[in-house]
């Protein structure tokens, strides 16, 4: 539910031509970045410590998925962090 609200807020901001993020949205993004980073690190560690090849593969794929999510969020944040002149 919180994710849907964030997507709606982002859509409204883009429609209005606003590139600035509110402090609440920045806090949410920070939390999401921390969550994705922590999950990537945990799953990568699990993957390295697994002896079962199938379990190792599952952990590795899940770790990469969290890394992709982190990169997507980070790129989104950077796209809204440009000075107004460059946009």
PDB file of N, CA and C in Angstrom:
ATOM      1  N   UNK A   1       0.820  -1.188   0.000  1.00  0.00           N
ATOM      2  CA  UNK A   1       0.000   0.000   0.000  1.00  0.00           C
ATOM      3  C   UNK A   1       0.870   1.261   0.000  1.00  0.00           C
ATOM      4  N   UNK A   2       1.909   1.249   0.808  1.00  0.00           N
ATOM      5  CA  UNK A   2       2.806   2.404   0.864  1.00  0.00           C
ATOM      6  C   UNK A   2       3.502   2.576  -0.484  1.00  0.00           C
ATOM      7  N   UNK A   3       3.837   1.462  -1.132  1.00  0.00           N
ATOM      8  CA  UNK A   3       4.493   1.519  -2.434  1.00  0.00           C
ATOM      9  C   UNK A   3       3.577   2.146  -3.476  1.00  0.00           C
ATOM     10  N   UNK A   4       2.276   1.799  -3.451  1.00  0.00           N
ATOM     11  CA  UNK A   4       1.316   2.384  -4.386  1.00  0.00           C
ATOM     12  C   UNK A   4       1.179   3.884  -4.172  1.00  0.00           C
ATOM     13  N   UNK A   5       1.146   4.307  -2.916  1.00  0.00           N
ATOM     14  CA  UNK A   5       1.051   5.736  -2.611  1.00  0.00           C
ATOM     15  C   UNK A   5       2.278   6.477  -3.119  1.00  0.00           C
ATOM     16  N   UNK A   6       3.459   5.855  -2.956  1.00  0.00           N
ATOM     17  CA  UNK A   6       4.675   6.496  -3.417  1.00  0.00           C
ATOM     18  C   UNK A   6       4.664   6.619  -4.943  1.00  0.00           C
ATOM     19  N   UNK A   7       4.207   5.575  -5.637  1.00  0.00           N
ATOM     20  CA  UNK A   7       4.141   5.619  -7.095  1.00  0.00           C
ATOM     21  C   UNK A   7       3.152   6.682  -7.554  1.00  0.00           C
ATOM     22  N   UNK A   8       2.022   6.811  -6.871  1.00  0.00           N
ATOM     23  CA  UNK A   8       1.047   7.829  -7.229  1.00  0.00           C
ATOM     24  C   UNK A   8       1.629   9.225  -7.017  1.00  0.00           C
ATOM     25  N   UNK A   9       2.330   9.418  -5.894  1.00  0.00           N
ATOM     26  CA  UNK A   9       2.953  10.710  -5.620  1.00  0.00           C
ATOM     27  C   UNK A   9       4.003  11.043  -6.674  1.00  0.00           C
ATOM     28  N   UNK A  10       4.785  10.042  -7.063  1.00  0.00           N
ATOM     29  CA  UNK A  10       5.803  10.270  -8.078  1.00  0.00           C
ATOM     30  C   UNK A  10       5.162  10.637  -9.409  1.00  0.00           C
ATOM     31  N   UNK A  11       4.085   9.935  -9.757  1.00  0.00           N
ATOM     32  CA  UNK A  11       3.384  10.231 -10.998  1.00  0.00           C
ATOM     33  C   UNK A  11       2.810  11.629 -11.001  1.00  0.00           C
ATOM     34  N   UNK A  12       2.251  12.057  -9.879  1.00  0.00           N
ATOM     35  CA  UNK A  12       1.692  13.406  -9.780  1.00  0.00           C
ATOM     36  C   UNK A  12       2.798  14.448  -9.898  1.00  0.00           C
ATOM     37  N   UNK A  13       3.940  14.194  -9.269  1.00  0.00           N
ATOM     38  CA  UNK A  13       5.047  15.137  -9.352  1.00  0.00           C
ATOM     39  C   UNK A  13       5.555  15.259 -10.783  1.00  0.00           C
ATOM     40  N   UNK A  14       5.645  14.139 -11.478  1.00  0.00           N
ATOM     41  CA  UNK A  14       6.141  14.180 -12.851  1.00  0.00           C
ATOM     42  C   UNK A  14       5.149  14.896 -13.763  1.00  0.00           C
ATOM     43  N   UNK A  15       3.854  14.694 -13.533  1.00  0.00           N
ATOM     44  CA  UNK A  15       2.839  15.358 -14.341  1.00  0.00           C
ATOM     45  C   UNK A  15       2.882  16.862 -14.120  1.00  0.00           C
ATOM     46  N   UNK A  16       3.188  17.278 -12.921  1.00  0.00           N
ATOM     47  CA  UNK A  16       3.231  18.702 -12.597  1.00  0.00           C
ATOM     48  C   UNK A  16       4.573  19.321 -12.979  1.00  0.00           C
ATOM     49  N   UNK A  17       5.506  18.500 -13.482  1.00  0.00           N
ATOM     50  CA  UNK A  17       6.807  19.018 -13.877  1.00  0.00           C
ATOM     51  C   UNK A  17       7.731  19.295 -12.707  1.00  0.00           C
ATOM     52  N   UNK A  18       7.424  18.745 -11.558  1.00  0.00           N
ATOM     53  CA  UNK A  18       8.256  18.968 -10.379  1.00  0.00           C
ATOM     54  C   UNK A  18       9.333  17.900 -10.321  1.00  0.00           C
ATOM     55  N   UNK A  19      10.558  18.333 -10.188  1.00  0.00           N
ATOM     56  CA  UNK A  19      11.669  17.401 -10.089  1.00  0.00           C
ATOM     57  C   UNK A  19      12.152  17.268  -8.646  1.00  0.00           C
ATOM     58  N   UNK A  20      11.663  18.117  -7.767  1.00  0.00           N
ATOM     59  CA  UNK A  20      12.113  18.089  -6.376  1.00  0.00           C
ATOM     60  C   UNK A  20      11.387  16.994  -5.608  1.00  0.00           C
ATOM     61  N   UNK A  21      12.123  16.325  -4.750  1.00  0.00           N
ATOM     62  CA  UNK A  21      11.545  15.308  -3.885  1.00  0.00           C
ATOM     63  C   UNK A  21      11.266  15.923  -2.518  1.00  0.00           C
ATOM     64  N   UNK A  22      10.163  15.540  -1.928  1.00  0.00           N
ATOM     65  CA  UNK A  22       9.845  16.028  -0.589  1.00  0.00           C
ATOM     66  C   UNK A  22      10.744  15.321   0.422  1.00  0.00           C
ATOM     67  N   UNK A  23      10.839  15.875   1.604  1.00  0.00           N
ATOM     68  CA  UNK A  23      11.667  15.248   2.635  1.00  0.00           C
ATOM     69  C   UNK A  23      11.114  13.874   3.008  1.00  0.00           C
ATOM     70  N   UNK A  24       9.796  13.716   2.961  1.00  0.00           N
ATOM     71  CA  UNK A  24       9.203  12.413   3.258  1.00  0.00           C
ATOM     72  C   UNK A  24       9.610  11.386   2.202  1.00  0.00           C
ATOM     73  N   UNK A  25       9.577  11.798   0.925  1.00  0.00           N
ATOM     74  CA  UNK A  25       9.981  10.888  -0.144  1.00  0.00           C
ATOM     75  C   UNK A  25      11.460  10.547  -0.044  1.00  0.00           C
ATOM     76  N   UNK A  26      12.273  11.514   0.343  1.00  0.00           N
ATOM     77  CA  UNK A  26      13.699  11.241   0.518  1.00  0.00           C
ATOM     78  C   UNK A  26      13.928  10.239   1.642  1.00  0.00           C
ATOM     79  N   UNK A  27      13.165  10.372   2.715  1.00  0.00           N
ATOM     80  CA  UNK A  27      13.273   9.432   3.833  1.00  0.00           C
ATOM     81  C   UNK A  27      12.859   8.028   3.396  1.00  0.00           C
ATOM     82  N   UNK A  28      11.789   7.939   2.632  1.00  0.00           N
ATOM     83  CA  UNK A  28      11.333   6.641   2.122  1.00  0.00           C
ATOM     84  C   UNK A  28      12.391   6.041   1.211  1.00  0.00           C
ATOM     85  N   UNK A  29      12.948   6.848   0.325  1.00  0.00           N
ATOM     86  CA  UNK A  29      14.006   6.360  -0.571  1.00  0.00           C
ATOM     87  C   UNK A  29      15.226   5.883   0.210  1.00  0.00           C
ATOM     88  N   UNK A  30      15.592   6.632   1.236  1.00  0.00           N
ATOM     89  CA  UNK A  30      16.735   6.233   2.057  1.00  0.00           C
ATOM     90  C   UNK A  30      16.473   4.886   2.723  1.00  0.00           C
ATOM     91  N   UNK A  31      15.276   4.716   3.266  1.00  0.00           N
ATOM     92  CA  UNK A  31      14.917   3.443   3.895  1.00  0.00           C
ATOM     93  C   UNK A  31      14.944   2.302   2.884  1.00  0.00           C
ATOM     94  N   UNK A  32      14.415   2.547   1.705  1.00  0.00           N
ATOM     95  CA  UNK A  32      14.381   1.511   0.672  1.00  0.00           C
ATOM     96  C   UNK A  32      15.794   1.167   0.201  1.00  0.00           C
ATOM     97  N   UNK A  33      16.651   2.168   0.050  1.00  0.00           N
ATOM     98  CA  UNK A  33      18.042   1.910  -0.337  1.00  0.00           C
ATOM     99  C   UNK A  33      18.758   1.075   0.728  1.00  0.00           C
ATOM    100  N   UNK A  34      18.542   1.417   1.992  1.00  0.00           N
ATOM    101  CA  UNK A  34      19.146   0.642   3.085  1.00  0.00           C
ATOM    102  C   UNK A  34      18.636  -0.792   3.100  1.00  0.00           C
ATOM    103  N   UNK A  35      17.341  -0.958   2.877  1.00  0.00           N
ATOM    104  CA  UNK A  35      16.727  -2.289   2.848  1.00  0.00           C
ATOM    105  C   UNK A  35      17.327  -3.131   1.723  1.00  0.00           C
ATOM    106  N   UNK A  36      17.406  -2.564   0.530  1.00  0.00           N
ATOM    107  CA  UNK A  36      17.935  -3.312  -0.616  1.00  0.00           C
ATOM    108  C   UNK A  36      19.411  -3.636  -0.425  1.00  0.00           C
ATOM    109  N   UNK A  37      20.174  -2.695   0.106  1.00  0.00           N
ATOM    110  CA  UNK A  37      21.594  -2.921   0.341  1.00  0.00           C
ATOM    111  C   UNK A  37      21.817  -4.038   1.362  1.00  0.00           C
ATOM    112  N   UNK A  38      21.079  -3.992   2.449  1.00  0.00           N
ATOM    113  CA  UNK A  38      21.207  -5.012   3.491  1.00  0.00           C
ATOM    114  C   UNK A  38      20.837  -6.385   2.952  1.00  0.00           C
ATOM    115  N   UNK A  39      19.740  -6.465   2.201  1.00  0.00           N
ATOM    116  CA  UNK A  39      19.331  -7.761   1.657  1.00  0.00           C
ATOM    117  C   UNK A  39      20.329  -8.291   0.643  1.00  0.00           C
ATOM    118  N   UNK A  40      20.895  -7.404  -0.174  1.00  0.00           N
ATOM    119  CA  UNK A  40      21.933  -7.844  -1.116  1.00  0.00           C
ATOM    120  C   UNK A  40      23.121  -8.437  -0.348  1.00  0.00           C
ATOM    121  N   UNK A  41      23.584  -7.733   0.674  1.00  0.00           N
ATOM    122  CA  UNK A  41      24.751  -8.186   1.438  1.00  0.00           C
ATOM    123  C   UNK A  41      24.480  -9.527   2.119  1.00  0.00           C
ATOM    124  N   UNK A  42      23.301  -9.660   2.713  1.00  0.00           N
ATOM    125  CA  UNK A  42      22.957 -10.912   3.390  1.00  0.00           C
ATOM    126  C   UNK A  42      22.900 -12.075   2.408  1.00  0.00           C
ATOM    127  N   UNK A  43      22.189 -11.870   1.293  1.00  0.00           N
ATOM    128  CA  UNK A  43      22.035 -12.959   0.333  1.00  0.00           C
ATOM    129  C   UNK A  43      23.352 -13.306  -0.349  1.00  0.00           C
ATOM    130  N   UNK A  44      24.195 -12.314  -0.568  1.00  0.00           N
ATOM    131  CA  UNK A  44      25.511 -12.586  -1.134  1.00  0.00           C
ATOM    132  C   UNK A  44      26.341 -13.421  -0.169  1.00  0.00           C
ATOM    133  N   UNK A  45      26.280 -13.082   1.116  1.00  0.00           N
ATOM    134  CA  UNK A  45      26.991 -13.842   2.135  1.00  0.00           C
ATOM    135  C   UNK A  45      26.445 -15.284   2.203  1.00  0.00           C
ATOM    136  N   UNK A  46      25.113 -15.425   2.159  1.00  0.00           N
ATOM    137  CA  UNK A  46      24.510 -16.760   2.181  1.00  0.00           C
ATOM    138  C   UNK A  46      24.964 -17.566   0.973  1.00  0.00           C
ATOM    139  N   UNK A  47      24.998 -16.919  -0.175  1.00  0.00           N
ATOM    140  CA  UNK A  47      25.414 -17.595  -1.405  1.00  0.00           C
ATOM    141  C   UNK A  47      26.846 -18.108  -1.288  1.00  0.00           C
ATOM    142  N   UNK A  48      27.710 -17.321  -0.701  1.00  0.00           N
ATOM    143  CA  UNK A  48      29.112 -17.717  -0.564  1.00  0.00           C
ATOM    144  C   UNK A  48      29.304 -18.842   0.447  1.00  0.00           C
ATOM    145  N   UNK A  49      28.389 -18.937   1.405  1.00  0.00           N
ATOM    146  CA  UNK A  49      28.559 -19.947   2.456  1.00  0.00           C
ATOM    147  C   UNK A  49      27.780 -21.234   2.178  1.00  0.00           C
ATOM    148  N   UNK A  50      26.958 -21.245   1.116  1.00  0.00           N
ATOM    149  CA  UNK A  50      26.164 -22.431   0.805  1.00  0.00           C
ATOM    150  C   UNK A  50      27.015 -23.507   0.141  1.00  0.00           C
ATOM    151  N   UNK A  51      26.752 -24.757   0.508  1.00  0.00           N
ATOM    152  CA  UNK A  51      27.416 -25.898  -0.128  1.00  0.00           C
ATOM    153  C   UNK A  51      26.537 -26.511  -1.211  1.00  0.00           C
ATOM    154  N   UNK A  52      25.240 -26.388  -1.054  1.00  0.00           N
ATOM    155  CA  UNK A  52      24.293 -26.934  -2.034  1.00  0.00           C
ATOM    156  C   UNK A  52      24.259 -26.019  -3.256  1.00  0.00           C
ATOM    157  N   UNK A  53      24.587 -26.535  -4.441  1.00  0.00           N
ATOM    158  CA  UNK A  53      24.643 -25.681  -5.642  1.00  0.00           C
ATOM    159  C   UNK A  53      23.309 -25.012  -5.984  1.00  0.00           C
ATOM    160  N   UNK A  54      22.211 -25.707  -5.765  1.00  0.00           N
ATOM    161  CA  UNK A  54      20.906 -25.122  -6.081  1.00  0.00           C
ATOM    162  C   UNK A  54      20.578 -23.978  -5.129  1.00  0.00           C
ATOM    163  N   UNK A  55      20.835 -24.176  -3.867  1.00  0.00           N
ATOM    164  CA  UNK A  55      20.584 -23.124  -2.877  1.00  0.00           C
ATOM    165  C   UNK A  55      21.521 -21.936  -3.103  1.00  0.00           C
ATOM    166  N   UNK A  56      22.765 -22.245  -3.456  1.00  0.00           N
ATOM    167  CA  UNK A  56      23.742 -21.199  -3.763  1.00  0.00           C
ATOM    168  C   UNK A  56      23.250 -20.358  -4.938  1.00  0.00           C
ATOM    169  N   UNK A  57      22.694 -21.003  -5.964  1.00  0.00           N
ATOM    170  CA  UNK A  57      22.177 -20.306  -7.146  1.00  0.00           C
ATOM    171  C   UNK A  57      20.974 -19.429  -6.789  1.00  0.00           C
ATOM    172  N   UNK A  58      20.077 -19.963  -5.967  1.00  0.00           N
ATOM    173  CA  UNK A  58      18.894 -19.190  -5.552  1.00  0.00           C
ATOM    174  C   UNK A  58      19.323 -17.937  -4.783  1.00  0.00           C
ATOM    175  N   UNK A  59      20.241 -18.094  -3.851  1.00  0.00           N
ATOM    176  CA  UNK A  59      20.718 -16.949  -3.065  1.00  0.00           C
ATOM    177  C   UNK A  59      21.428 -15.933  -3.951  1.00  0.00           C
ATOM    178  N   UNK A  60      22.220 -16.425  -4.883  1.00  0.00           N
ATOM    179  CA  UNK A  60      22.950 -15.537  -5.781  1.00  0.00           C
ATOM    180  C   UNK A  60      21.997 -14.736  -6.663  1.00  0.00           C
ATOM    181  N   UNK A  61      20.983 -15.399  -7.201  1.00  0.00           N
ATOM    182  CA  UNK A  61      20.005 -14.699  -8.046  1.00  0.00           C
ATOM    183  C   UNK A  61      19.208 -13.677  -7.240  1.00  0.00           C
ATOM    184  N   UNK A  62      18.835 -14.039  -6.021  1.00  0.00           N
ATOM    185  CA  UNK A  62      18.093 -13.106  -5.164  1.00  0.00           C
ATOM    186  C   UNK A  62      18.975 -11.904  -4.802  1.00  0.00           C
ATOM    187  N   UNK A  63      20.254 -12.151  -4.552  1.00  0.00           N
ATOM    188  CA  UNK A  63      21.179 -11.061  -4.242  1.00  0.00           C
ATOM    189  C   UNK A  63      21.277 -10.102  -5.428  1.00  0.00           C
ATOM    190  N   UNK A  64      21.390 -10.636  -6.627  1.00  0.00           N
ATOM    191  CA  UNK A  64      21.480  -9.794  -7.813  1.00  0.00           C
ATOM    192  C   UNK A  64      20.206  -8.988  -8.030  1.00  0.00           C
ATOM    193  N   UNK A  65      19.069  -9.573  -7.716  1.00  0.00           N
ATOM    194  CA  UNK A  65      17.798  -8.865  -7.839  1.00  0.00           C
ATOM    195  C   UNK A  65      17.765  -7.663  -6.894  1.00  0.00           C
ATOM    196  N   UNK A  66      18.218  -7.847  -5.658  1.00  0.00           N
ATOM    197  CA  UNK A  66      18.259  -6.731  -4.704  1.00  0.00           C
ATOM    198  C   UNK A  66      19.279  -5.679  -5.134  1.00  0.00           C
ATOM    199  N   UNK A  67      20.365  -6.118  -5.744  1.00  0.00           N
ATOM    200  CA  UNK A  67      21.364  -5.166  -6.248  1.00  0.00           C
ATOM    201  C   UNK A  67      20.761  -4.333  -7.383  1.00  0.00           C
ATOM    202  N   UNK A  68      19.985  -4.967  -8.261  1.00  0.00           N
ATOM    203  CA  UNK A  68      19.310  -4.241  -9.341  1.00  0.00           C
ATOM    204  C   UNK A  68      18.317  -3.230  -8.778  1.00  0.00           C
ATOM    205  N   UNK A  69      17.559  -3.640  -7.769  1.00  0.00           N
ATOM    206  CA  UNK A  69      16.597  -2.729  -7.137  1.00  0.00           C
ATOM    207  C   UNK A  69      17.320  -1.529  -6.534  1.00  0.00           C
ATOM    208  N   UNK A  70      18.433  -1.797  -5.844  1.00  0.00           N
ATOM    209  CA  UNK A  70      19.217  -0.712  -5.258  1.00  0.00           C
ATOM    210  C   UNK A  70      19.668   0.260  -6.342  1.00  0.00           C
ATOM    211  N   UNK A  71      20.203  -0.279  -7.437  1.00  0.00           N
ATOM    212  CA  UNK A  71      20.693   0.571  -8.528  1.00  0.00           C
ATOM    213  C   UNK A  71      19.570   1.382  -9.159  1.00  0.00           C
ATOM    214  N   UNK A  72      18.394   0.794  -9.308  1.00  0.00           N
ATOM    215  CA  UNK A  72      17.258   1.516  -9.864  1.00  0.00           C
ATOM    216  C   UNK A  72      16.857   2.679  -8.953  1.00  0.00           C
ATOM    217  N   UNK A  73      16.782   2.422  -7.657  1.00  0.00           N
ATOM    218  CA  UNK A  73      16.430   3.474  -6.703  1.00  0.00           C
ATOM    219  C   UNK A  73      17.497   4.561  -6.671  1.00  0.00           C
ATOM    220  N   UNK A  74      18.752   4.151  -6.705  1.00  0.00           N
ATOM    221  CA  UNK A  74      19.855   5.110  -6.677  1.00  0.00           C
ATOM    222  C   UNK A  74      19.832   5.989  -7.929  1.00  0.00           C
ATOM    223  N   UNK A  75      19.588   5.387  -9.083  1.00  0.00           N
ATOM    224  CA  UNK A  75      19.505   6.160 -10.325  1.00  0.00           C
ATOM    225  C   UNK A  75      18.313   7.107 -10.309  1.00  0.00           C
ATOM    226  N   UNK A  76      17.204   6.666  -9.741  1.00  0.00           N
ATOM    227  CA  UNK A  76      16.027   7.526  -9.612  1.00  0.00           C
ATOM    228  C   UNK A  76      16.362   8.730  -8.741  1.00  0.00           C
ATOM    229  N   UNK A  77      17.020   8.468  -7.633  1.00  0.00           N
ATOM    230  CA  UNK A  77      17.402   9.552  -6.726  1.00  0.00           C
ATOM    231  C   UNK A  77      18.348  10.528  -7.424  1.00  0.00           C
ATOM    232  N   UNK A  78      19.314  10.006  -8.140  1.00  0.00           N
ATOM    233  CA  UNK A  78      20.265  10.874  -8.848  1.00  0.00           C
ATOM    234  C   UNK A  78      19.591  11.680  -9.952  1.00  0.00           C
ATOM    235  N   UNK A  79      18.572  11.126 -10.584  1.00  0.00           N
ATOM    236  CA  UNK A  79      17.887  11.853 -11.652  1.00  0.00           C
ATOM    237  C   UNK A  79      17.122  13.053 -11.103  1.00  0.00           C
ATOM    238  N   UNK A  80      16.797  13.033  -9.825  1.00  0.00           N
ATOM    239  CA  UNK A  80      16.092  14.144  -9.186  1.00  0.00           C
ATOM    240  C   UNK A  80      17.037  15.037  -8.392  1.00  0.00           C
ATOM    241  N   UNK A  81      18.311  14.772  -8.499  1.00  0.00           N
ATOM    242  CA  UNK A  81      19.297  15.501  -7.716  1.00  0.00           C
ATOM    243  C   UNK A  81      20.093  16.477  -8.587  1.00  0.00           C
ATOM    244  N   UNK A  82      19.685  16.645  -9.833  1.00  0.00           N
ATOM    245  CA  UNK A  82      20.388  17.544 -10.750  1.00  0.00           C
ATOM    246  C   UNK A  82      19.955  18.977 -10.497  1.00  0.00           C
ATOM    247  N   UNK A  83      20.857  19.925 -10.695  1.00  0.00           N
ATOM    248  CA  UNK A  83      20.465  21.334 -10.579  1.00  0.00           C
ATOM    249  C   UNK A  83      19.408  21.674 -11.629  1.00  0.00           C
ATOM    250  N   UNK A  84      18.587  22.657 -11.325  1.00  0.00           N
ATOM    251  CA  UNK A  84      17.463  23.020 -12.195  1.00  0.00           C
ATOM    252  C   UNK A  84      17.933  23.424 -13.590  1.00  0.00           C
ATOM    253  N   UNK A  85      19.125  23.952 -13.733  1.00  0.00           N
ATOM    254  CA  UNK A  85      19.619  24.394 -15.033  1.00  0.00           C
ATOM    255  C   UNK A  85      19.796  23.216 -15.992  1.00  0.00           C
ATOM    256  N   UNK A  86      20.196  22.068 -15.469  1.00  0.00           N
ATOM    257  CA  UNK A  86      20.512  20.930 -16.318  1.00  0.00           C
ATOM    258  C   UNK A  86      19.287  20.130 -16.720  1.00  0.00           C
ATOM    259  N   UNK A  87      18.153  20.349 -16.118  1.00  0.00           N
ATOM    260  CA  UNK A  87      16.975  19.534 -16.397  1.00  0.00           C
ATOM    261  C   UNK A  87      16.236  19.984 -17.601  1.00  0.00           C
TER     262      UNK A  87
END
